[in-house]
């Protein structure tokens, strides 16, 4: 099993960069596998870390074994040669500790601000192909509809061969098909949960379970030694998240979604309870999904104070991580077709 951390690059980290660095350093010591950050642009003070790889360089310089993941890099916003080069450099600098989550992007405002039409999202497959080939170290040419170049070599060579692990945030049929074609694992959703992804992915893969096994789940985490206190915390988080979902819908001019129930929260979105209950839920989740890696959201994307998230990180590491010690999560596998 691999347990990572995520969800810190929003309101909960504003104005306290040093504290976030200390959190990453502590996660390194406690034995977490990695820490993941999203790419969002042009949101003013709401997001202190719009450029994910810059943050990754800072975290990787301060840690020894913790991995850094992008969840996601929005490929259509970047020239794939430049992005491949930046990732290769960060892989070299960190001695091979970067995981690359990629996707098409969902924020139309970012595309509009950069003068990109909505159909620019269709660049995703072209960009992914170029990046995978660029990491081979051989001279690369492209004659695609978006990018054309001849005999370009990207370096330095990645430490992780044939390239850093690549995960795909795939929900649409087109993106899912690309992940299946290249046998790349998925970054599975938190809101909504992975239910809409695992079924189509598994069916399309046929008998090849390796990409699903190497994929990464997402879960809120609520843990306390006292079951009653854990339940109170779960109910408080549920109320916060239901309000946030309603506020988001109102901001988009939509009707509020039905409030999520406790049962729905535990079935598809959260791990909660005493350490023993959390461990049992994780066992059941991996057995049900076949996925052996989980990104935990102890601050619930900024809904909870960072101090509370830090306590959760400590307690989970002390009480749950030891129960899964020695169970190594599978590394993402690259098929022969992935770099062709």
C-alpha atoms as a PDB file:
ATOM      1  CA  UNK A   1       0.000   0.000   0.000  1.00  0.00           C
ATOM      2  CA  UNK A   2       1.023   3.567  -0.633  1.00  0.00           C
ATOM      3  CA  UNK A   3      -0.422   6.465   1.345  1.00  0.00           C
ATOM      4  CA  UNK A   4       0.081   9.971  -0.013  1.00  0.00           C
ATOM      5  CA  UNK A   5      -1.127  13.420   1.054  1.00  0.00           C
ATOM      6  CA  UNK A   6      -2.993  15.974  -1.049  1.00  0.00           C
ATOM      7  CA  UNK A   7      -5.261  19.006  -0.938  1.00  0.00           C
ATOM      8  CA  UNK A   8      -3.054  21.658   0.653  1.00  0.00           C
ATOM      9  CA  UNK A   9      -2.691  24.293  -2.082  1.00  0.00           C
ATOM     10  CA  UNK A  10      -5.785  26.339  -1.360  1.00  0.00           C
ATOM     11  CA  UNK A  11      -6.981  28.637   1.441  1.00  0.00           C
ATOM     12  CA  UNK A  12      -5.370  26.554   4.176  1.00  0.00           C
ATOM     13  CA  UNK A  13      -1.835  27.439   3.029  1.00  0.00           C
ATOM     14  CA  UNK A  14      -2.264  31.145   2.312  1.00  0.00           C
ATOM     15  CA  UNK A  15       0.430  33.243   3.922  1.00  0.00           C
ATOM     16  CA  UNK A  16       2.352  30.404   5.559  1.00  0.00           C
ATOM     17  CA  UNK A  17       4.707  28.863   3.047  1.00  0.00           C
ATOM     18  CA  UNK A  18       7.208  27.901   5.749  1.00  0.00           C
ATOM     19  CA  UNK A  19       4.560  25.884   7.567  1.00  0.00           C
ATOM     20  CA  UNK A  20       3.702  23.976   4.402  1.00  0.00           C
ATOM     21  CA  UNK A  21       7.388  23.167   3.939  1.00  0.00           C
ATOM     22  CA  UNK A  22       7.543  21.883   7.515  1.00  0.00           C
ATOM     23  CA  UNK A  23       4.475  19.741   6.850  1.00  0.00           C
ATOM     24  CA  UNK A  24       6.187  18.173   3.820  1.00  0.00           C
ATOM     25  CA  UNK A  25       9.347  17.560   5.816  1.00  0.00           C
ATOM     26  CA  UNK A  26       7.316  15.911   8.561  1.00  0.00           C
ATOM     27  CA  UNK A  27       5.456  13.727   6.049  1.00  0.00           C
ATOM     28  CA  UNK A  28       8.845  12.597   4.764  1.00  0.00           C
ATOM     29  CA  UNK A  29       9.918  11.526   8.244  1.00  0.00           C
ATOM     30  CA  UNK A  30       6.597   9.863   9.078  1.00  0.00           C
ATOM     31  CA  UNK A  31       6.733   7.545   6.075  1.00  0.00           C
ATOM     32  CA  UNK A  32       4.128   8.879   3.668  1.00  0.00           C
ATOM     33  CA  UNK A  33       4.755   7.984   0.049  1.00  0.00           C
ATOM     34  CA  UNK A  34       4.225  11.331  -1.624  1.00  0.00           C
ATOM     35  CA  UNK A  35       2.468  14.686  -1.645  1.00  0.00           C
ATOM     36  CA  UNK A  36       0.370  15.985  -4.562  1.00  0.00           C
ATOM     37  CA  UNK A  37      -0.600  19.466  -5.754  1.00  0.00           C
ATOM     38  CA  UNK A  38      -2.985  20.813  -8.386  1.00  0.00           C
ATOM     39  CA  UNK A  39      -2.401  23.287 -11.198  1.00  0.00           C
ATOM     40  CA  UNK A  40      -4.832  26.224 -11.142  1.00  0.00           C
ATOM     41  CA  UNK A  41      -4.113  29.621 -12.681  1.00  0.00           C
ATOM     42  CA  UNK A  42      -5.325  33.220 -12.419  1.00  0.00           C
ATOM     43  CA  UNK A  43      -7.246  32.873  -9.160  1.00  0.00           C
ATOM     44  CA  UNK A  44      -5.472  35.692  -7.374  1.00  0.00           C
ATOM     45  CA  UNK A  45      -4.817  35.188  -3.684  1.00  0.00           C
ATOM     46  CA  UNK A  46      -7.050  32.103  -3.488  1.00  0.00           C
ATOM     47  CA  UNK A  47      -4.284  29.823  -4.754  1.00  0.00           C
ATOM     48  CA  UNK A  48      -0.727  30.534  -3.600  1.00  0.00           C
ATOM     49  CA  UNK A  49       0.819  27.863  -5.844  1.00  0.00           C
ATOM     50  CA  UNK A  50      -0.396  28.172  -9.446  1.00  0.00           C
ATOM     51  CA  UNK A  51       2.856  26.743 -10.879  1.00  0.00           C
ATOM     52  CA  UNK A  52       3.045  23.239  -9.492  1.00  0.00           C
ATOM     53  CA  UNK A  53       6.571  22.319 -10.527  1.00  0.00           C
ATOM     54  CA  UNK A  54       8.029  25.389  -8.801  1.00  0.00           C
ATOM     55  CA  UNK A  55       6.490  24.163  -5.561  1.00  0.00           C
ATOM     56  CA  UNK A  56       7.754  20.671  -6.318  1.00  0.00           C
ATOM     57  CA  UNK A  57      11.331  21.913  -6.575  1.00  0.00           C
ATOM     58  CA  UNK A  58      11.063  23.487  -3.112  1.00  0.00           C
ATOM     59  CA  UNK A  59       9.557  20.394  -1.484  1.00  0.00           C
ATOM     60  CA  UNK A  60      11.933  17.931  -3.114  1.00  0.00           C
ATOM     61  CA  UNK A  61      14.914  20.028  -2.010  1.00  0.00           C
ATOM     62  CA  UNK A  62      13.754  19.753   1.609  1.00  0.00           C
ATOM     63  CA  UNK A  63      12.958  16.034   1.699  1.00  0.00           C
ATOM     64  CA  UNK A  64      14.902  12.819   1.235  1.00  0.00           C
ATOM     65  CA  UNK A  65      12.424  10.109   0.262  1.00  0.00           C
ATOM     66  CA  UNK A  66       9.001  11.795  -0.142  1.00  0.00           C
ATOM     67  CA  UNK A  67       7.755  11.855  -3.713  1.00  0.00           C
ATOM     68  CA  UNK A  68       6.113  14.881  -5.349  1.00  0.00           C
ATOM     69  CA  UNK A  69       3.068  14.479  -7.582  1.00  0.00           C
ATOM     70  CA  UNK A  70       1.176  16.775  -9.938  1.00  0.00           C
ATOM     71  CA  UNK A  71      -2.576  16.322  -9.826  1.00  0.00           C
ATOM     72  CA  UNK A  72      -2.719  17.526 -12.505  1.00  0.00           C
ATOM     73  CA  UNK A  73      -0.565  19.267 -15.067  1.00  0.00           C
ATOM     74  CA  UNK A  74      -2.987  20.667 -17.646  1.00  0.00           C
ATOM     75  CA  UNK A  75      -1.153  19.626 -20.799  1.00  0.00           C
ATOM     76  CA  UNK A  76      -3.023  21.819 -23.334  1.00  0.00           C
ATOM     77  CA  UNK A  77      -1.752  24.939 -21.510  1.00  0.00           C
ATOM     78  CA  UNK A  78       1.924  24.082 -22.098  1.00  0.00           C
ATOM     79  CA  UNK A  79       4.333  23.435 -24.926  1.00  0.00           C
ATOM     80  CA  UNK A  80       5.025  19.723 -24.396  1.00  0.00           C
ATOM     81  CA  UNK A  81       8.761  20.020 -25.103  1.00  0.00           C
ATOM     82  CA  UNK A  82       9.192  22.689 -22.436  1.00  0.00           C
ATOM     83  CA  UNK A  83       7.095  20.759 -19.938  1.00  0.00           C
ATOM     84  CA  UNK A  84       8.925  17.492 -20.647  1.00  0.00           C
ATOM     85  CA  UNK A  85      12.221  19.286 -20.088  1.00  0.00           C
ATOM     86  CA  UNK A  86      11.062  20.798 -16.788  1.00  0.00           C
ATOM     87  CA  UNK A  87       9.857  17.424 -15.502  1.00  0.00           C
ATOM     88  CA  UNK A  88      13.103  15.753 -16.578  1.00  0.00           C
ATOM     89  CA  UNK A  89      15.122  18.373 -14.731  1.00  0.00           C
ATOM     90  CA  UNK A  90      13.048  17.960 -11.580  1.00  0.00           C
ATOM     91  CA  UNK A  91      13.386  14.185 -11.825  1.00  0.00           C
ATOM     92  CA  UNK A  92      17.164  14.603 -12.068  1.00  0.00           C
ATOM     93  CA  UNK A  93      17.341  17.110  -9.202  1.00  0.00           C
ATOM     94  CA  UNK A  94      15.300  14.860  -6.903  1.00  0.00           C
ATOM     95  CA  UNK A  95      17.043  11.590  -7.787  1.00  0.00           C
ATOM     96  CA  UNK A  96      13.838  10.246  -9.314  1.00  0.00           C
ATOM     97  CA  UNK A  97      11.054  11.340  -6.959  1.00  0.00           C
ATOM     98  CA  UNK A  98       8.447  12.915  -9.220  1.00  0.00           C
ATOM     99  CA  UNK A  99       5.069  11.506 -10.296  1.00  0.00           C
ATOM    100  CA  UNK A 100       3.355  13.177 -13.228  1.00  0.00           C
ATOM    101  CA  UNK A 101      -0.419  13.396 -13.165  1.00  0.00           C
ATOM    102  CA  UNK A 102      -1.789  14.871 -16.393  1.00  0.00           C
ATOM    103  CA  UNK A 103      -5.163  15.910 -17.752  1.00  0.00           C
ATOM    104  CA  UNK A 104      -7.096  18.059 -20.223  1.00  0.00           C
ATOM    105  CA  UNK A 105      -8.209  20.663 -17.680  1.00  0.00           C
ATOM    106  CA  UNK A 106     -11.711  21.705 -16.637  1.00  0.00           C
ATOM    107  CA  UNK A 107     -11.460  25.459 -16.019  1.00  0.00           C
ATOM    108  CA  UNK A 108     -12.607  27.374 -19.130  1.00  0.00           C
ATOM    109  CA  UNK A 109     -11.513  30.652 -17.543  1.00  0.00           C
ATOM    110  CA  UNK A 110      -7.849  29.672 -17.778  1.00  0.00           C
ATOM    111  CA  UNK A 111      -8.117  28.860 -21.469  1.00  0.00           C
ATOM    112  CA  UNK A 112      -9.953  32.118 -22.101  1.00  0.00           C
ATOM    113  CA  UNK A 113      -7.363  34.176 -20.197  1.00  0.00           C
ATOM    114  CA  UNK A 114      -4.602  32.714 -22.362  1.00  0.00           C
ATOM    115  CA  UNK A 115      -6.515  33.294 -25.579  1.00  0.00           C
ATOM    116  CA  UNK A 116      -7.037  29.564 -26.143  1.00  0.00           C
ATOM    117  CA  UNK A 117     -10.326  28.349 -27.606  1.00  0.00           C
ATOM    118  CA  UNK A 118     -12.256  25.632 -25.714  1.00  0.00           C
ATOM    119  CA  UNK A 119     -11.253  23.082 -28.340  1.00  0.00           C
ATOM    120  CA  UNK A 120      -7.634  23.504 -27.250  1.00  0.00           C
ATOM    121  CA  UNK A 121      -8.349  20.757 -24.728  1.00  0.00           C
ATOM    122  CA  UNK A 122      -8.111  18.371 -27.651  1.00  0.00           C
ATOM    123  CA  UNK A 123      -4.370  19.044 -27.692  1.00  0.00           C
ATOM    124  CA  UNK A 124      -4.049  16.691 -24.724  1.00  0.00           C
ATOM    125  CA  UNK A 125      -3.341  13.500 -26.656  1.00  0.00           C
ATOM    126  CA  UNK A 126      -0.850  15.211 -28.934  1.00  0.00           C
ATOM    127  CA  UNK A 127       0.983  16.756 -25.986  1.00  0.00           C
ATOM    128  CA  UNK A 128       1.102  13.494 -24.036  1.00  0.00           C
ATOM    129  CA  UNK A 129       2.547  11.627 -27.003  1.00  0.00           C
ATOM    130  CA  UNK A 130       5.273  14.236 -27.486  1.00  0.00           C
ATOM    131  CA  UNK A 131       6.242  14.191 -23.805  1.00  0.00           C
ATOM    132  CA  UNK A 132       6.500  10.418 -23.617  1.00  0.00           C
ATOM    133  CA  UNK A 133       8.705  10.351 -26.714  1.00  0.00           C
ATOM    134  CA  UNK A 134      10.802  13.310 -25.548  1.00  0.00           C
ATOM    135  CA  UNK A 135      11.827  11.480 -22.365  1.00  0.00           C
ATOM    136  CA  UNK A 136      13.471   8.735 -24.432  1.00  0.00           C
ATOM    137  CA  UNK A 137      16.431  11.058 -25.040  1.00  0.00           C
ATOM    138  CA  UNK A 138      16.428  10.453 -28.794  1.00  0.00           C
ATOM    139  CA  UNK A 139      15.993  13.330 -31.266  1.00  0.00           C
ATOM    140  CA  UNK A 140      12.314  13.975 -31.766  1.00  0.00           C
ATOM    141  CA  UNK A 141      10.296  15.462 -34.621  1.00  0.00           C
ATOM    142  CA  UNK A 142       6.599  16.270 -34.740  1.00  0.00           C
ATOM    143  CA  UNK A 143       4.192  17.164 -37.526  1.00  0.00           C
ATOM    144  CA  UNK A 144       0.992  17.366 -35.498  1.00  0.00           C
ATOM    145  CA  UNK A 145      -1.819  19.863 -35.891  1.00  0.00           C
ATOM    146  CA  UNK A 146      -0.593  21.981 -32.955  1.00  0.00           C
ATOM    147  CA  UNK A 147       3.164  21.498 -32.651  1.00  0.00           C
ATOM    148  CA  UNK A 148       5.666  21.049 -35.442  1.00  0.00           C
ATOM    149  CA  UNK A 149       9.418  20.770 -34.905  1.00  0.00           C
ATOM    150  CA  UNK A 150      12.358  18.718 -36.156  1.00  0.00           C
ATOM    151  CA  UNK A 151      15.216  16.885 -34.433  1.00  0.00           C
ATOM    152  CA  UNK A 152      14.822  18.285 -30.920  1.00  0.00           C
ATOM    153  CA  UNK A 153      16.482  16.486 -28.009  1.00  0.00           C
ATOM    154  CA  UNK A 154      15.123  16.963 -24.480  1.00  0.00           C
ATOM    155  CA  UNK A 155      17.382  16.564 -21.469  1.00  0.00           C
ATOM    156  CA  UNK A 156      18.612  15.798 -18.937  1.00  0.00           C
ATOM    157  CA  UNK A 157      17.686  12.105 -19.135  1.00  0.00           C
ATOM    158  CA  UNK A 158      15.094  11.256 -16.470  1.00  0.00           C
ATOM    159  CA  UNK A 159      16.399   9.199 -13.581  1.00  0.00           C
ATOM    160  CA  UNK A 160      13.258   7.071 -13.683  1.00  0.00           C
ATOM    161  CA  UNK A 161      13.274   5.005 -16.825  1.00  0.00           C
ATOM    162  CA  UNK A 162      11.849   4.982 -19.371  1.00  0.00           C
ATOM    163  CA  UNK A 163      10.281   8.110 -17.845  1.00  0.00           C
ATOM    164  CA  UNK A 164       8.732   9.307 -14.559  1.00  0.00           C
ATOM    165  CA  UNK A 165       5.447   7.567 -13.676  1.00  0.00           C
ATOM    166  CA  UNK A 166       2.551   9.143 -15.561  1.00  0.00           C
ATOM    167  CA  UNK A 167      -1.023   9.090 -14.250  1.00  0.00           C
ATOM    168  CA  UNK A 168      -4.052  10.272 -16.209  1.00  0.00           C
ATOM    169  CA  UNK A 169      -7.023  12.167 -14.766  1.00  0.00           C
ATOM    170  CA  UNK A 170      -9.523  10.488 -17.066  1.00  0.00           C
ATOM    171  CA  UNK A 171     -13.280  11.006 -16.942  1.00  0.00           C
ATOM    172  CA  UNK A 172     -14.296  11.699 -20.545  1.00  0.00           C
ATOM    173  CA  UNK A 173     -14.381   8.741 -22.965  1.00  0.00           C
ATOM    174  CA  UNK A 174     -11.604  10.284 -25.081  1.00  0.00           C
ATOM    175  CA  UNK A 175      -9.188  10.702 -22.175  1.00  0.00           C
ATOM    176  CA  UNK A 176     -10.072   7.273 -20.795  1.00  0.00           C
ATOM    177  CA  UNK A 177      -9.329   5.732 -24.191  1.00  0.00           C
ATOM    178  CA  UNK A 178      -5.870   7.318 -24.219  1.00  0.00           C
ATOM    179  CA  UNK A 179      -5.099   5.979 -20.755  1.00  0.00           C
ATOM    180  CA  UNK A 180      -6.226   2.505 -21.791  1.00  0.00           C
ATOM    181  CA  UNK A 181      -4.303   2.601 -25.062  1.00  0.00           C
ATOM    182  CA  UNK A 182      -1.061   3.446 -23.283  1.00  0.00           C
ATOM    183  CA  UNK A 183      -1.814   1.328 -20.219  1.00  0.00           C
ATOM    184  CA  UNK A 184      -1.324   4.304 -17.895  1.00  0.00           C
ATOM    185  CA  UNK A 185      -2.841   4.345 -14.385  1.00  0.00           C
ATOM    186  CA  UNK A 186      -5.521   6.825 -13.347  1.00  0.00           C
ATOM    187  CA  UNK A 187      -5.693   9.604 -10.802  1.00  0.00           C
ATOM    188  CA  UNK A 188      -9.126   8.717  -9.453  1.00  0.00           C
ATOM    189  CA  UNK A 189     -11.493  11.515  -8.459  1.00  0.00           C
ATOM    190  CA  UNK A 190     -12.537  12.772  -5.039  1.00  0.00           C
ATOM    191  CA  UNK A 191     -15.458  14.972  -6.075  1.00  0.00           C
ATOM    192  CA  UNK A 192     -17.214  13.040  -7.530  1.00  0.00           C
ATOM    193  CA  UNK A 193     -15.738   9.735  -6.400  1.00  0.00           C
ATOM    194  CA  UNK A 194     -14.049   7.125  -8.563  1.00  0.00           C
ATOM    195  CA  UNK A 195     -17.284   5.220  -9.260  1.00  0.00           C
ATOM    196  CA  UNK A 196     -17.673   6.666 -12.757  1.00  0.00           C
ATOM    197  CA  UNK A 197     -14.063   5.868 -13.666  1.00  0.00           C
ATOM    198  CA  UNK A 198     -13.206   2.384 -12.435  1.00  0.00           C
ATOM    199  CA  UNK A 199     -15.959   0.516 -14.285  1.00  0.00           C
ATOM    200  CA  UNK A 200     -15.200   1.803 -17.800  1.00  0.00           C
ATOM    201  CA  UNK A 201     -11.446   1.602 -17.170  1.00  0.00           C
ATOM    202  CA  UNK A 202     -11.597  -2.015 -16.001  1.00  0.00           C
ATOM    203  CA  UNK A 203     -13.849  -3.053 -18.868  1.00  0.00           C
ATOM    204  CA  UNK A 204     -11.619  -1.425 -21.475  1.00  0.00           C
ATOM    205  CA  UNK A 205      -8.463  -2.977 -20.027  1.00  0.00           C
ATOM    206  CA  UNK A 206      -9.814  -6.491 -20.350  1.00  0.00           C
ATOM    207  CA  UNK A 207      -7.673  -8.878 -18.345  1.00  0.00           C
ATOM    208  CA  UNK A 208      -4.835  -6.422 -17.732  1.00  0.00           C
ATOM    209  CA  UNK A 209      -5.297  -5.324 -14.108  1.00  0.00           C
ATOM    210  CA  UNK A 210      -1.880  -3.696 -13.647  1.00  0.00           C
ATOM    211  CA  UNK A 211      -2.870  -0.118 -14.649  1.00  0.00           C
ATOM    212  CA  UNK A 212      -5.845  -0.185 -12.265  1.00  0.00           C
ATOM    213  CA  UNK A 213      -3.786  -1.641  -9.417  1.00  0.00           C
ATOM    214  CA  UNK A 214      -1.188   1.137  -9.871  1.00  0.00           C
ATOM    215  CA  UNK A 215      -3.831   3.892  -9.988  1.00  0.00           C
ATOM    216  CA  UNK A 216      -4.407   6.287  -7.081  1.00  0.00           C
ATOM    217  CA  UNK A 217      -7.637   6.713  -5.097  1.00  0.00           C
ATOM    218  CA  UNK A 218      -8.685   9.890  -3.243  1.00  0.00           C
ATOM    219  CA  UNK A 219     -10.264  10.071   0.208  1.00  0.00           C
ATOM    220  CA  UNK A 220     -10.976  12.596   2.928  1.00  0.00           C
ATOM    221  CA  UNK A 221      -9.582  11.308   6.227  1.00  0.00           C
ATOM    222  CA  UNK A 222     -11.080  11.721   9.702  1.00  0.00           C
ATOM    223  CA  UNK A 223      -9.361   9.843  12.529  1.00  0.00           C
ATOM    224  CA  UNK A 224      -9.450   9.931  16.315  1.00  0.00           C
ATOM    225  CA  UNK A 225      -8.784   7.443  19.082  1.00  0.00           C
ATOM    226  CA  UNK A 226     -12.278   7.984  20.497  1.00  0.00           C
ATOM    227  CA  UNK A 227     -15.048   6.721  18.202  1.00  0.00           C
ATOM    228  CA  UNK A 228     -17.535   9.316  19.445  1.00  0.00           C
ATOM    229  CA  UNK A 229     -15.126  12.177  18.780  1.00  0.00           C
ATOM    230  CA  UNK A 230     -14.346  10.771  15.327  1.00  0.00           C
ATOM    231  CA  UNK A 231     -18.078  10.700  14.578  1.00  0.00           C
ATOM    232  CA  UNK A 232     -18.471  14.319  15.649  1.00  0.00           C
ATOM    233  CA  UNK A 233     -15.602  15.314  13.380  1.00  0.00           C
ATOM    234  CA  UNK A 234     -17.096  13.369  10.473  1.00  0.00           C
ATOM    235  CA  UNK A 235     -20.469  15.074  10.897  1.00  0.00           C
ATOM    236  CA  UNK A 236     -18.807  18.503  11.088  1.00  0.00           C
ATOM    237  CA  UNK A 237     -16.814  17.813   7.923  1.00  0.00           C
ATOM    238  CA  UNK A 238     -19.904  16.542   6.131  1.00  0.00           C
ATOM    239  CA  UNK A 239     -21.724  19.776   6.961  1.00  0.00           C
ATOM    240  CA  UNK A 240     -18.793  21.877   5.709  1.00  0.00           C
ATOM    241  CA  UNK A 241     -18.537  19.949   2.460  1.00  0.00           C
ATOM    242  CA  UNK A 242     -22.281  20.068   1.802  1.00  0.00           C
ATOM    243  CA  UNK A 243     -22.214  23.838   2.296  1.00  0.00           C
ATOM    244  CA  UNK A 244     -19.218  24.180  -0.004  1.00  0.00           C
ATOM    245  CA  UNK A 245     -20.908  22.132  -2.723  1.00  0.00           C
ATOM    246  CA  UNK A 246     -24.020  24.295  -2.418  1.00  0.00           C
ATOM    247  CA  UNK A 247     -21.940  27.479  -2.575  1.00  0.00           C
ATOM    248  CA  UNK A 248     -20.127  26.271  -5.698  1.00  0.00           C
ATOM    249  CA  UNK A 249     -23.433  25.470  -7.388  1.00  0.00           C
ATOM    250  CA  UNK A 250     -24.792  28.909  -6.505  1.00  0.00           C
ATOM    251  CA  UNK A 251     -21.687  30.577  -7.925  1.00  0.00           C
ATOM    252  CA  UNK A 252     -22.350  28.777 -11.217  1.00  0.00           C
ATOM    253  CA  UNK A 253     -26.032  29.706 -11.164  1.00  0.00           C
ATOM    254  CA  UNK A 254     -27.092  26.102 -10.631  1.00  0.00           C
ATOM    255  CA  UNK A 255     -29.510  24.495  -8.206  1.00  0.00           C
ATOM    256  CA  UNK A 256     -27.773  23.120  -5.102  1.00  0.00           C
ATOM    257  CA  UNK A 257     -27.089  19.369  -5.177  1.00  0.00           C
ATOM    258  CA  UNK A 258     -28.851  17.158  -2.626  1.00  0.00           C
ATOM    259  CA  UNK A 259     -26.899  17.122   0.645  1.00  0.00           C
ATOM    260  CA  UNK A 260     -24.574  14.152   0.819  1.00  0.00           C
ATOM    261  CA  UNK A 261     -25.477  11.666   3.544  1.00  0.00           C
ATOM    262  CA  UNK A 262     -23.157  10.047   6.055  1.00  0.00           C
ATOM    263  CA  UNK A 263     -23.556   6.721   4.259  1.00  0.00           C
ATOM    264  CA  UNK A 264     -22.651   8.268   0.916  1.00  0.00           C
ATOM    265  CA  UNK A 265     -19.668   9.989   2.515  1.00  0.00           C
ATOM    266  CA  UNK A 266     -18.266   6.719   3.856  1.00  0.00           C
ATOM    267  CA  UNK A 267     -19.062   4.718   0.740  1.00  0.00           C
ATOM    268  CA  UNK A 268     -17.401   6.986  -1.777  1.00  0.00           C
ATOM    269  CA  UNK A 269     -15.532   9.895  -0.248  1.00  0.00           C
ATOM    270  CA  UNK A 270     -14.061   9.407   3.231  1.00  0.00           C
ATOM    271  CA  UNK A 271     -12.182   7.124   5.547  1.00  0.00           C
ATOM    272  CA  UNK A 272     -13.320   7.880   9.092  1.00  0.00           C
ATOM    273  CA  UNK A 273     -13.318   6.570  12.634  1.00  0.00           C
ATOM    274  CA  UNK A 274     -10.839   5.096  15.064  1.00  0.00           C
ATOM    275  CA  UNK A 275      -7.479   3.879  13.738  1.00  0.00           C
ATOM    276  CA  UNK A 276      -8.828   0.318  13.709  1.00  0.00           C
ATOM    277  CA  UNK A 277     -11.932   1.376  11.802  1.00  0.00           C
ATOM    278  CA  UNK A 278      -9.861   3.347   9.295  1.00  0.00           C
ATOM    279  CA  UNK A 279      -7.569   0.376   8.665  1.00  0.00           C
ATOM    280  CA  UNK A 280     -10.569  -1.901   8.117  1.00  0.00           C
ATOM    281  CA  UNK A 281     -12.135   0.579   5.686  1.00  0.00           C
ATOM    282  CA  UNK A 282      -8.886   0.775   3.727  1.00  0.00           C
ATOM    283  CA  UNK A 283      -8.693  -3.015   3.509  1.00  0.00           C
ATOM    284  CA  UNK A 284     -12.263  -3.128   2.204  1.00  0.00           C
ATOM    285  CA  UNK A 285     -11.638  -0.282  -0.251  1.00  0.00           C
ATOM    286  CA  UNK A 286      -8.598  -1.919  -1.821  1.00  0.00           C
ATOM    287  CA  UNK A 287     -10.384  -5.270  -2.004  1.00  0.00           C
ATOM    288  CA  UNK A 288     -13.374  -3.671  -3.714  1.00  0.00           C
ATOM    289  CA  UNK A 289     -11.494  -1.475  -6.174  1.00  0.00           C
ATOM    290  CA  UNK A 290      -8.243  -3.339  -6.757  1.00  0.00           C
ATOM    291  CA  UNK A 291      -6.330  -0.074  -6.233  1.00  0.00           C
ATOM    292  CA  UNK A 292      -3.393  -0.059  -3.815  1.00  0.00           C
ATOM    293  CA  UNK A 293      -2.556   3.636  -3.515  1.00  0.00           C
ATOM    294  CA  UNK A 294      -4.564   6.354  -1.741  1.00  0.00           C
ATOM    295  CA  UNK A 295      -4.187  10.132  -1.698  1.00  0.00           C
ATOM    296  CA  UNK A 296      -5.456  11.353   1.676  1.00  0.00           C
ATOM    297  CA  UNK A 297      -6.976  14.852   2.063  1.00  0.00           C
ATOM    298  CA  UNK A 298      -6.553  15.669   5.778  1.00  0.00           C
ATOM    299  CA  UNK A 299      -7.467  19.350   5.316  1.00  0.00           C
ATOM    300  CA  UNK A 300     -10.327  18.515   2.929  1.00  0.00           C
ATOM    301  CA  UNK A 301      -8.972  20.977   0.360  1.00  0.00           C
ATOM    302  CA  UNK A 302      -8.844  23.784   2.888  1.00  0.00           C
ATOM    303  CA  UNK A 303     -12.188  23.123   4.591  1.00  0.00           C
ATOM    304  CA  UNK A 304     -10.363  22.218   7.819  1.00  0.00           C
ATOM    305  CA  UNK A 305      -7.648  24.226   9.599  1.00  0.00           C
ATOM    306  CA  UNK A 306      -4.082  23.251   8.816  1.00  0.00           C
ATOM    307  CA  UNK A 307      -3.439  22.548  12.515  1.00  0.00           C
ATOM    308  CA  UNK A 308      -6.170  19.902  12.498  1.00  0.00           C
ATOM    309  CA  UNK A 309      -4.771  18.400   9.316  1.00  0.00           C
ATOM    310  CA  UNK A 310      -1.339  18.182  10.933  1.00  0.00           C
ATOM    311  CA  UNK A 311      -2.799  16.258  13.885  1.00  0.00           C
ATOM    312  CA  UNK A 312      -4.523  13.878  11.492  1.00  0.00           C
ATOM    313  CA  UNK A 313      -1.281  13.293   9.597  1.00  0.00           C
ATOM    314  CA  UNK A 314       0.546  12.460  12.820  1.00  0.00           C
ATOM    315  CA  UNK A 315      -2.100  10.123  14.223  1.00  0.00           C
ATOM    316  CA  UNK A 316      -2.631   8.268  10.946  1.00  0.00           C
ATOM    317  CA  UNK A 317       1.116   7.733  10.598  1.00  0.00           C
ATOM    318  CA  UNK A 318       1.447   6.463  14.157  1.00  0.00           C
ATOM    319  CA  UNK A 319      -1.552   4.136  14.161  1.00  0.00           C
ATOM    320  CA  UNK A 320      -2.517   3.115  10.614  1.00  0.00           C
ATOM    321  CA  UNK A 321       0.645   3.164   8.512  1.00  0.00           C
ATOM    322  CA  UNK A 322       2.279   0.414  10.631  1.00  0.00           C
ATOM    323  CA  UNK A 323      -0.640  -1.923   9.858  1.00  0.00           C
ATOM    324  CA  UNK A 324       0.269  -1.751   6.162  1.00  0.00           C
ATOM    325  CA  UNK A 325       4.058  -1.752   6.514  1.00  0.00           C
ATOM    326  CA  UNK A 326       5.794  -3.952   3.985  1.00  0.00           C
ATOM    327  CA  UNK A 327       2.939  -3.920   1.480  1.00  0.00           C
ATOM    328  CA  UNK A 328       4.515  -2.048  -1.396  1.00  0.00           C
ATOM    329  CA  UNK A 329       2.172  -0.445  -3.896  1.00  0.00           C
ATOM    330  CA  UNK A 330       2.895  -1.436  -7.497  1.00  0.00           C
ATOM    331  CA  UNK A 331       4.720   1.059  -9.658  1.00  0.00           C
ATOM    332  CA  UNK A 332       2.950   2.284 -12.790  1.00  0.00           C
ATOM    333  CA  UNK A 333       3.846   0.024 -15.673  1.00  0.00           C
ATOM    334  CA  UNK A 334       4.639   1.365 -19.128  1.00  0.00           C
ATOM    335  CA  UNK A 335       3.564  -0.758 -22.066  1.00  0.00           C
ATOM    336  CA  UNK A 336       5.672  -1.162 -25.165  1.00  0.00           C
ATOM    337  CA  UNK A 337       3.300   1.130 -27.007  1.00  0.00           C
ATOM    338  CA  UNK A 338       3.622   3.974 -24.530  1.00  0.00           C
ATOM    339  CA  UNK A 339       6.752   5.471 -26.011  1.00  0.00           C
ATOM    340  CA  UNK A 340       6.258   4.532 -29.611  1.00  0.00           C
END
